Amino acid sequence: MARFVKSEKGYEASVTADWSAVKKGIKKVRSEATTPKKVPTSVALDPKFVSDLKKEAQQRGIPYQVLMRMFIIEGFQRMKKAG
């Protein structure tokens, strides 16, 4: 692996960058840093249900925890609409 030092012949200090992309990246990181973190919880479920949930999640190509969170959020939103 070649190593270059500024004083060596062949060293070229030409760096180009898309600064607008860099600024967008910085904004994204800042917004992610201000997004509230999720609170871990624990729920006891029947092993058969968890197995079925994992199979369904695998068919959808997502982690089963994400599928579980989707069900909880959607169910809660429906419950709020129903009153």
PDB file of N, CA and C in Angstrom:
ATOM      1  N   MET A   1       0.845  -1.180   0.000  1.00  0.00           N
ATOM      2  CA  MET A   1       0.000   0.000   0.000  1.00  0.00           C
ATOM      3  C   MET A   1       0.888   1.239   0.000  1.00  0.00           C
ATOM      4  N   ALA A   2       0.615   2.125  -0.932  1.00  0.00           N
ATOM      5  CA  ALA A   2       1.422   3.328  -1.058  1.00  0.00           C
ATOM      6  C   ALA A   2       1.046   4.331   0.022  1.00  0.00           C
ATOM      7  N   ARG A   3       2.049   4.986   0.530  1.00  0.00           N
ATOM      8  CA  ARG A   3       1.823   6.036   1.522  1.00  0.00           C
ATOM      9  C   ARG A   3       2.423   7.314   0.973  1.00  0.00           C
ATOM     10  N   PHE A   4       1.717   8.385   1.071  1.00  0.00           N
ATOM     11  CA  PHE A   4       2.190   9.648   0.539  1.00  0.00           C
ATOM     12  C   PHE A   4       2.350  10.660   1.654  1.00  0.00           C
ATOM     13  N   VAL A   5       3.381  11.476   1.500  1.00  0.00           N
ATOM     14  CA  VAL A   5       3.635  12.579   2.411  1.00  0.00           C
ATOM     15  C   VAL A   5       3.687  13.830   1.556  1.00  0.00           C
ATOM     16  N   LYS A   6       3.179  14.924   2.053  1.00  0.00           N
ATOM     17  CA  LYS A   6       3.096  16.143   1.262  1.00  0.00           C
ATOM     18  C   LYS A   6       4.424  16.531   0.619  1.00  0.00           C
ATOM     19  N   SER A   7       5.508  16.271   1.293  1.00  0.00           N
ATOM     20  CA  SER A   7       6.807  16.687   0.777  1.00  0.00           C
ATOM     21  C   SER A   7       7.342  15.736  -0.296  1.00  0.00           C
ATOM     22  N   GLU A   8       6.750  14.569  -0.494  1.00  0.00           N
ATOM     23  CA  GLU A   8       7.224  13.621  -1.489  1.00  0.00           C
ATOM     24  C   GLU A   8       6.754  13.985  -2.886  1.00  0.00           C
ATOM     25  N   LYS A   9       7.562  13.622  -3.865  1.00  0.00           N
ATOM     26  CA  LYS A   9       7.204  13.836  -5.252  1.00  0.00           C
ATOM     27  C   LYS A   9       6.028  12.900  -5.584  1.00  0.00           C
ATOM     28  N   GLY A  10       5.076  13.379  -6.321  1.00  0.00           N
ATOM     29  CA  GLY A  10       3.930  12.573  -6.685  1.00  0.00           C
ATOM     30  C   GLY A  10       2.716  12.810  -5.797  1.00  0.00           C
ATOM     31  N   TYR A  11       2.907  13.529  -4.704  1.00  0.00           N
ATOM     32  CA  TYR A  11       1.771  13.837  -3.829  1.00  0.00           C
ATOM     33  C   TYR A  11       0.949  14.930  -4.475  1.00  0.00           C
ATOM     34  N   GLU A  12      -0.323  14.710  -4.606  1.00  0.00           N
ATOM     35  CA  GLU A  12      -1.209  15.729  -5.169  1.00  0.00           C
ATOM     36  C   GLU A  12      -2.284  16.056  -4.147  1.00  0.00           C
ATOM     37  N   ALA A  13      -2.349  17.285  -3.793  1.00  0.00           N
ATOM     38  CA  ALA A  13      -3.307  17.713  -2.781  1.00  0.00           C
ATOM     39  C   ALA A  13      -4.540  18.317  -3.431  1.00  0.00           C
ATOM     40  N   SER A  14      -5.111  17.605  -4.390  1.00  0.00           N
ATOM     41  CA  SER A  14      -6.331  18.115  -5.022  1.00  0.00           C
ATOM     42  C   SER A  14      -7.519  17.311  -4.499  1.00  0.00           C
ATOM     43  N   VAL A  15      -8.353  17.969  -3.741  1.00  0.00           N
ATOM     44  CA  VAL A  15      -9.526  17.321  -3.162  1.00  0.00           C
ATOM     45  C   VAL A  15     -10.754  18.067  -3.667  1.00  0.00           C
ATOM     46  N   THR A  16     -11.710  17.302  -4.176  1.00  0.00           N
ATOM     47  CA  THR A  16     -12.962  17.908  -4.592  1.00  0.00           C
ATOM     48  C   THR A  16     -14.081  17.281  -3.776  1.00  0.00           C
ATOM     49  N   ALA A  17     -15.094  18.055  -3.509  1.00  0.00           N
ATOM     50  CA  ALA A  17     -16.218  17.544  -2.719  1.00  0.00           C
ATOM     51  C   ALA A  17     -17.491  18.232  -3.166  1.00  0.00           C
ATOM     52  N   ASP A  18     -18.586  17.531  -3.062  1.00  0.00           N
ATOM     53  CA  ASP A  18     -19.905  18.098  -3.321  1.00  0.00           C
ATOM     54  C   ASP A  18     -20.405  18.648  -1.987  1.00  0.00           C
ATOM     55  N   TRP A  19     -20.153  19.925  -1.764  1.00  0.00           N
ATOM     56  CA  TRP A  19     -20.444  20.522  -0.457  1.00  0.00           C
ATOM     57  C   TRP A  19     -21.935  20.572  -0.164  1.00  0.00           C
ATOM     58  N   SER A  20     -22.765  20.636  -1.190  1.00  0.00           N
ATOM     59  CA  SER A  20     -24.210  20.634  -0.923  1.00  0.00           C
ATOM     60  C   SER A  20     -24.632  19.285  -0.347  1.00  0.00           C
ATOM     61  N   ALA A  21     -24.015  18.189  -0.840  1.00  0.00           N
ATOM     62  CA  ALA A  21     -24.314  16.863  -0.292  1.00  0.00           C
ATOM     63  C   ALA A  21     -23.811  16.741   1.140  1.00  0.00           C
ATOM     64  N   VAL A  22     -22.666  17.349   1.408  1.00  0.00           N
ATOM     65  CA  VAL A  22     -22.119  17.318   2.774  1.00  0.00           C
ATOM     66  C   VAL A  22     -23.059  18.047   3.723  1.00  0.00           C
ATOM     67  N   LYS A  23     -23.556  19.210   3.288  1.00  0.00           N
ATOM     68  CA  LYS A  23     -24.480  19.980   4.140  1.00  0.00           C
ATOM     69  C   LYS A  23     -25.775  19.203   4.392  1.00  0.00           C
ATOM     70  N   LYS A  24     -26.285  18.519   3.345  1.00  0.00           N
ATOM     71  CA  LYS A  24     -27.490  17.706   3.525  1.00  0.00           C
ATOM     72  C   LYS A  24     -27.244  16.589   4.524  1.00  0.00           C
ATOM     73  N   GLY A  25     -26.071  15.962   4.438  1.00  0.00           N
ATOM     74  CA  GLY A  25     -25.715  14.898   5.369  1.00  0.00           C
ATOM     75  C   GLY A  25     -25.659  15.397   6.798  1.00  0.00           C
ATOM     76  N   ILE A  26     -25.114  16.593   6.985  1.00  0.00           N
ATOM     77  CA  ILE A  26     -25.023  17.183   8.324  1.00  0.00           C
ATOM     78  C   ILE A  26     -26.427  17.444   8.861  1.00  0.00           C
ATOM     79  N   LYS A  27     -27.309  17.979   8.014  1.00  0.00           N
ATOM     80  CA  LYS A  27     -28.687  18.236   8.453  1.00  0.00           C
ATOM     81  C   LYS A  27     -29.392  16.943   8.853  1.00  0.00           C
ATOM     82  N   LYS A  28     -29.157  15.878   8.090  1.00  0.00           N
ATOM     83  CA  LYS A  28     -29.784  14.592   8.396  1.00  0.00           C
ATOM     84  C   LYS A  28     -29.305  14.066   9.744  1.00  0.00           C
ATOM     85  N   VAL A  29     -28.007  14.153   9.984  1.00  0.00           N
ATOM     86  CA  VAL A  29     -27.456  13.685  11.253  1.00  0.00           C
ATOM     87  C   VAL A  29     -28.021  14.500  12.404  1.00  0.00           C
ATOM     88  N   ARG A  30     -28.122  15.807  12.216  1.00  0.00           N
ATOM     89  CA  ARG A  30     -28.685  16.661  13.267  1.00  0.00           C
ATOM     90  C   ARG A  30     -30.131  16.302  13.554  1.00  0.00           C
ATOM     91  N   SER A  31     -30.929  16.055  12.495  1.00  0.00           N
ATOM     92  CA  SER A  31     -32.337  15.734  12.718  1.00  0.00           C
ATOM     93  C   SER A  31     -32.483  14.388  13.404  1.00  0.00           C
ATOM     94  N   GLU A  32     -31.622  13.424  13.062  1.00  0.00           N
ATOM     95  CA  GLU A  32     -31.674  12.120  13.718  1.00  0.00           C
ATOM     96  C   GLU A  32     -31.282  12.231  15.186  1.00  0.00           C
ATOM     97  N   ALA A  33     -30.373  13.135  15.482  1.00  0.00           N
ATOM     98  CA  ALA A  33     -29.932  13.306  16.865  1.00  0.00           C
ATOM     99  C   ALA A  33     -31.033  13.916  17.724  1.00  0.00           C
ATOM    100  N   THR A  34     -31.930  14.693  17.110  1.00  0.00           N
ATOM    101  CA  THR A  34     -32.992  15.322  17.883  1.00  0.00           C
ATOM    102  C   THR A  34     -34.258  14.471  17.933  1.00  0.00           C
ATOM    103  N   THR A  35     -34.294  13.386  17.166  1.00  0.00           N
ATOM    104  CA  THR A  35     -35.449  12.496  17.188  1.00  0.00           C
ATOM    105  C   THR A  35     -35.471  11.740  18.515  1.00  0.00           C
ATOM    106  N   PRO A  36     -36.617  11.734  19.199  1.00  0.00           N
ATOM    107  CA  PRO A  36     -36.660  11.025  20.480  1.00  0.00           C
ATOM    108  C   PRO A  36     -36.405   9.529  20.303  1.00  0.00           C
ATOM    109  N   LYS A  37     -35.677   8.973  21.235  1.00  0.00           N
ATOM    110  CA  LYS A  37     -35.376   7.542  21.187  1.00  0.00           C
ATOM    111  C   LYS A  37     -36.594   6.752  21.636  1.00  0.00           C
ATOM    112  N   LYS A  38     -36.652   5.521  21.165  1.00  0.00           N
ATOM    113  CA  LYS A  38     -37.742   4.641  21.567  1.00  0.00           C
ATOM    114  C   LYS A  38     -37.466   4.105  22.972  1.00  0.00           C
ATOM    115  N   VAL A  39     -38.540   3.824  23.693  1.00  0.00           N
ATOM    116  CA  VAL A  39     -38.436   3.297  25.049  1.00  0.00           C
ATOM    117  C   VAL A  39     -38.586   1.784  24.991  1.00  0.00           C
ATOM    118  N   PRO A  40     -37.592   1.041  25.447  1.00  0.00           N
ATOM    119  CA  PRO A  40     -37.727  -0.417  25.429  1.00  0.00           C
ATOM    120  C   PRO A  40     -38.795  -0.875  26.422  1.00  0.00           C
ATOM    121  N   THR A  41     -39.581  -1.857  25.998  1.00  0.00           N
ATOM    122  CA  THR A  41     -40.619  -2.418  26.867  1.00  0.00           C
ATOM    123  C   THR A  41     -40.533  -3.931  26.823  1.00  0.00           C
ATOM    124  N   SER A  42     -41.277  -4.568  27.676  1.00  0.00           N
ATOM    125  CA  SER A  42     -41.284  -6.019  27.719  1.00  0.00           C
ATOM    126  C   SER A  42     -42.731  -6.494  27.741  1.00  0.00           C
ATOM    127  N   VAL A  43     -43.030  -7.474  26.881  1.00  0.00           N
ATOM    128  CA  VAL A  43     -44.381  -8.029  26.812  1.00  0.00           C
ATOM    129  C   VAL A  43     -44.254  -9.545  26.796  1.00  0.00           C
ATOM    130  N   ALA A  44     -45.005 -10.223  27.666  1.00  0.00           N
ATOM    131  CA  ALA A  44     -44.990 -11.687  27.693  1.00  0.00           C
ATOM    132  C   ALA A  44     -46.030 -12.200  26.709  1.00  0.00           C
ATOM    133  N   LEU A  45     -45.580 -12.993  25.740  1.00  0.00           N
ATOM    134  CA  LEU A  45     -46.477 -13.533  24.715  1.00  0.00           C
ATOM    135  C   LEU A  45     -46.351 -15.043  24.650  1.00  0.00           C
ATOM    136  N   ASP A  46     -47.401 -15.680  24.173  1.00  0.00           N
ATOM    137  CA  ASP A  46     -47.417 -17.121  23.993  1.00  0.00           C
ATOM    138  C   ASP A  46     -46.329 -17.513  22.978  1.00  0.00           C
ATOM    139  N   PRO A  47     -45.541 -18.545  23.251  1.00  0.00           N
ATOM    140  CA  PRO A  47     -44.470 -18.947  22.319  1.00  0.00           C
ATOM    141  C   PRO A  47     -44.970 -19.250  20.903  1.00  0.00           C
ATOM    142  N   LYS A  48     -46.162 -19.835  20.780  1.00  0.00           N
ATOM    143  CA  LYS A  48     -46.725 -20.129  19.468  1.00  0.00           C
ATOM    144  C   LYS A  48     -47.001 -18.844  18.701  1.00  0.00           C
ATOM    145  N   PHE A  49     -47.504 -17.839  19.413  1.00  0.00           N
ATOM    146  CA  PHE A  49     -47.776 -16.552  18.780  1.00  0.00           C
ATOM    147  C   PHE A  49     -46.487 -15.909  18.291  1.00  0.00           C
ATOM    148  N   VAL A  50     -45.449 -15.959  19.094  1.00  0.00           N
ATOM    149  CA  VAL A  50     -44.152 -15.381  18.709  1.00  0.00           C
ATOM    150  C   VAL A  50     -43.601 -16.111  17.486  1.00  0.00           C
ATOM    151  N   SER A  51     -43.734 -17.419  17.456  1.00  0.00           N
ATOM    152  CA  SER A  51     -43.283 -18.209  16.313  1.00  0.00           C
ATOM    153  C   SER A  51     -44.033 -17.811  15.039  1.00  0.00           C
ATOM    154  N   ASP A  52     -45.349 -17.673  15.154  1.00  0.00           N
ATOM    155  CA  ASP A  52     -46.155 -17.247  14.009  1.00  0.00           C
ATOM    156  C   ASP A  52     -45.784 -15.826  13.569  1.00  0.00           C
ATOM    157  N   LEU A  53     -45.550 -14.980  14.535  1.00  0.00           N
ATOM    158  CA  LEU A  53     -45.168 -13.598  14.256  1.00  0.00           C
ATOM    159  C   LEU A  53     -43.835 -13.552  13.502  1.00  0.00           C
ATOM    160  N   LYS A  54     -42.880 -14.373  13.921  1.00  0.00           N
ATOM    161  CA  LYS A  54     -41.576 -14.424  13.260  1.00  0.00           C
ATOM    162  C   LYS A  54     -41.711 -14.921  11.827  1.00  0.00           C
ATOM    163  N   LYS A  55     -42.570 -15.912  11.601  1.00  0.00           N
ATOM    164  CA  LYS A  55     -42.790 -16.430  10.241  1.00  0.00           C
ATOM    165  C   LYS A  55     -43.384 -15.351   9.344  1.00  0.00           C
ATOM    166  N   GLU A  56     -44.378 -14.655   9.863  1.00  0.00           N
ATOM    167  CA  GLU A  56     -45.024 -13.581   9.094  1.00  0.00           C
ATOM    168  C   GLU A  56     -44.026 -12.470   8.778  1.00  0.00           C
ATOM    169  N   ALA A  57     -43.226 -12.095   9.755  1.00  0.00           N
ATOM    170  CA  ALA A  57     -42.221 -11.046   9.548  1.00  0.00           C
ATOM    171  C   ALA A  57     -41.196 -11.476   8.503  1.00  0.00           C
ATOM    172  N   GLN A  58     -40.812 -12.733   8.545  1.00  0.00           N
ATOM    173  CA  GLN A  58     -39.843 -13.240   7.580  1.00  0.00           C
ATOM    174  C   GLN A  58     -40.421 -13.182   6.159  1.00  0.00           C
ATOM    175  N   GLN A  59     -41.692 -13.507   6.011  1.00  0.00           N
ATOM    176  CA  GLN A  59     -42.340 -13.436   4.701  1.00  0.00           C
ATOM    177  C   GLN A  59     -42.380 -12.001   4.177  1.00  0.00           C
ATOM    178  N   ARG A  60     -42.522 -11.055   5.105  1.00  0.00           N
ATOM    179  CA  ARG A  60     -42.564  -9.640   4.721  1.00  0.00           C
ATOM    180  C   ARG A  60     -41.163  -9.044   4.578  1.00  0.00           C
ATOM    181  N   GLY A  61     -40.141  -9.763   5.051  1.00  0.00           N
ATOM    182  CA  GLY A  61     -38.765  -9.297   4.941  1.00  0.00           C
ATOM    183  C   GLY A  61     -38.396  -8.219   5.943  1.00  0.00           C
ATOM    184  N   ILE A  62     -39.020  -8.289   7.125  1.00  0.00           N
ATOM    185  CA  ILE A  62     -38.721  -7.313   8.183  1.00  0.00           C
ATOM    186  C   ILE A  62     -38.478  -8.057   9.487  1.00  0.00           C
ATOM    187  N   PRO A  63     -37.779  -7.432  10.435  1.00  0.00           N
ATOM    188  CA  PRO A  63     -37.606  -8.069  11.749  1.00  0.00           C
ATOM    189  C   PRO A  63     -38.957  -8.198  12.468  1.00  0.00           C
ATOM    190  N   TYR A  64     -39.094  -9.247  13.269  1.00  0.00           N
ATOM    191  CA  TYR A  64     -40.394  -9.470  13.913  1.00  0.00           C
ATOM    192  C   TYR A  64     -40.726  -8.377  14.926  1.00  0.00           C
ATOM    193  N   GLN A  65     -39.706  -7.767  15.524  1.00  0.00           N
ATOM    194  CA  GLN A  65     -39.973  -6.678  16.473  1.00  0.00           C
ATOM    195  C   GLN A  65     -40.612  -5.488  15.759  1.00  0.00           C
ATOM    196  N   VAL A  66     -40.175  -5.234  14.520  1.00  0.00           N
ATOM    197  CA  VAL A  66     -40.745  -4.136  13.736  1.00  0.00           C
ATOM    198  C   VAL A  66     -42.205  -4.442  13.409  1.00  0.00           C
ATOM    199  N   LEU A  67     -42.488  -5.680  13.028  1.00  0.00           N
ATOM    200  CA  LEU A  67     -43.869  -6.078  12.742  1.00  0.00           C
ATOM    201  C   LEU A  67     -44.740  -5.935  13.992  1.00  0.00           C
ATOM    202  N   MET A  68     -44.211  -6.339  15.118  1.00  0.00           N
ATOM    203  CA  MET A  68     -44.945  -6.227  16.379  1.00  0.00           C
ATOM    204  C   MET A  68     -45.241  -4.750  16.688  1.00  0.00           C
ATOM    205  N   ARG A  69     -44.243  -3.896  16.491  1.00  0.00           N
ATOM    206  CA  ARG A  69     -44.427  -2.466  16.742  1.00  0.00           C
ATOM    207  C   ARG A  69     -45.482  -1.896  15.789  1.00  0.00           C
ATOM    208  N   MET A  70     -45.467  -2.344  14.519  1.00  0.00           N
ATOM    209  CA  MET A  70     -46.475  -1.888  13.563  1.00  0.00           C
ATOM    210  C   MET A  70     -47.872  -2.266  14.030  1.00  0.00           C
ATOM    211  N   PHE A  71     -48.042  -3.511  14.481  1.00  0.00           N
ATOM    212  CA  PHE A  71     -49.348  -3.960  14.965  1.00  0.00           C
ATOM    213  C   PHE A  71     -49.809  -3.128  16.157  1.00  0.00           C
ATOM    214  N   ILE A  72     -48.923  -2.867  17.065  1.00  0.00           N
ATOM    215  CA  ILE A  72     -49.282  -2.093  18.269  1.00  0.00           C
ATOM    216  C   ILE A  72     -49.696  -0.682  17.886  1.00  0.00           C
ATOM    217  N   ILE A  73     -48.905  -0.030  17.043  1.00  0.00           N
ATOM    218  CA  ILE A  73     -49.202   1.355  16.651  1.00  0.00           C
ATOM    219  C   ILE A  73     -50.505   1.433  15.869  1.00  0.00           C
ATOM    220  N   GLU A  74     -50.680   0.535  14.887  1.00  0.00           N
ATOM    221  CA  GLU A  74     -51.902   0.556  14.087  1.00  0.00           C
ATOM    222  C   GLU A  74     -53.128   0.233  14.932  1.00  0.00           C
ATOM    223  N   GLY A  75     -53.008  -0.729  15.819  1.00  0.00           N
ATOM    224  CA  GLY A  75     -54.123  -1.083  16.689  1.00  0.00           C
ATOM    225  C   GLY A  75     -54.497   0.056  17.619  1.00  0.00           C
ATOM    226  N   PHE A  76     -53.506   0.739  18.145  1.00  0.00           N
ATOM    227  CA  PHE A  76     -53.764   1.866  19.040  1.00  0.00           C
ATOM    228  C   PHE A  76     -54.429   3.002  18.299  1.00  0.00           C
ATOM    229  N   GLN A  77     -53.963   3.269  17.046  1.00  0.00           N
ATOM    230  CA  GLN A  77     -54.576   4.337  16.258  1.00  0.00           C
ATOM    231  C   GLN A  77     -56.028   4.024  15.925  1.00  0.00           C
ATOM    232  N   ARG A  78     -56.326   2.765  15.610  1.00  0.00           N
ATOM    233  CA  ARG A  78     -57.723   2.357  15.345  1.00  0.00           C
ATOM    234  C   ARG A  78     -58.580   2.531  16.597  1.00  0.00           C
ATOM    235  N   MET A  79     -58.017   2.145  17.747  1.00  0.00           N
ATOM    236  CA  MET A  79     -58.751   2.248  18.997  1.00  0.00           C
ATOM    237  C   MET A  79     -59.074   3.721  19.305  1.00  0.00           C
ATOM    238  N   LYS A  80     -58.132   4.614  19.050  1.00  0.00           N
ATOM    239  CA  LYS A  80     -58.364   6.037  19.303  1.00  0.00           C
ATOM    240  C   LYS A  80     -59.446   6.589  18.382  1.00  0.00           C
ATOM    241  N   LYS A  81     -59.446   6.141  17.115  1.00  0.00           N
ATOM    242  CA  LYS A  81     -60.480   6.606  16.176  1.00  0.00           C
ATOM    243  C   LYS A  81     -61.855   6.111  16.584  1.00  0.00           C
ATOM    244  N   ALA A  82     -61.928   4.879  17.072  1.00  0.00           N
ATOM    245  CA  ALA A  82     -63.205   4.285  17.484  1.00  0.00           C
ATOM    246  C   ALA A  82     -63.775   4.993  18.704  1.00  0.00           C
ATOM    247  N   GLY A  83     -62.895   5.579  19.473  1.00  0.00           N
ATOM    248  CA  GLY A  83     -63.347   6.329  20.642  1.00  0.00           C
ATOM    249  C   GLY A  83     -63.436   5.485  21.791  1.00  0.00           C
TER     250      GLY A  83
END
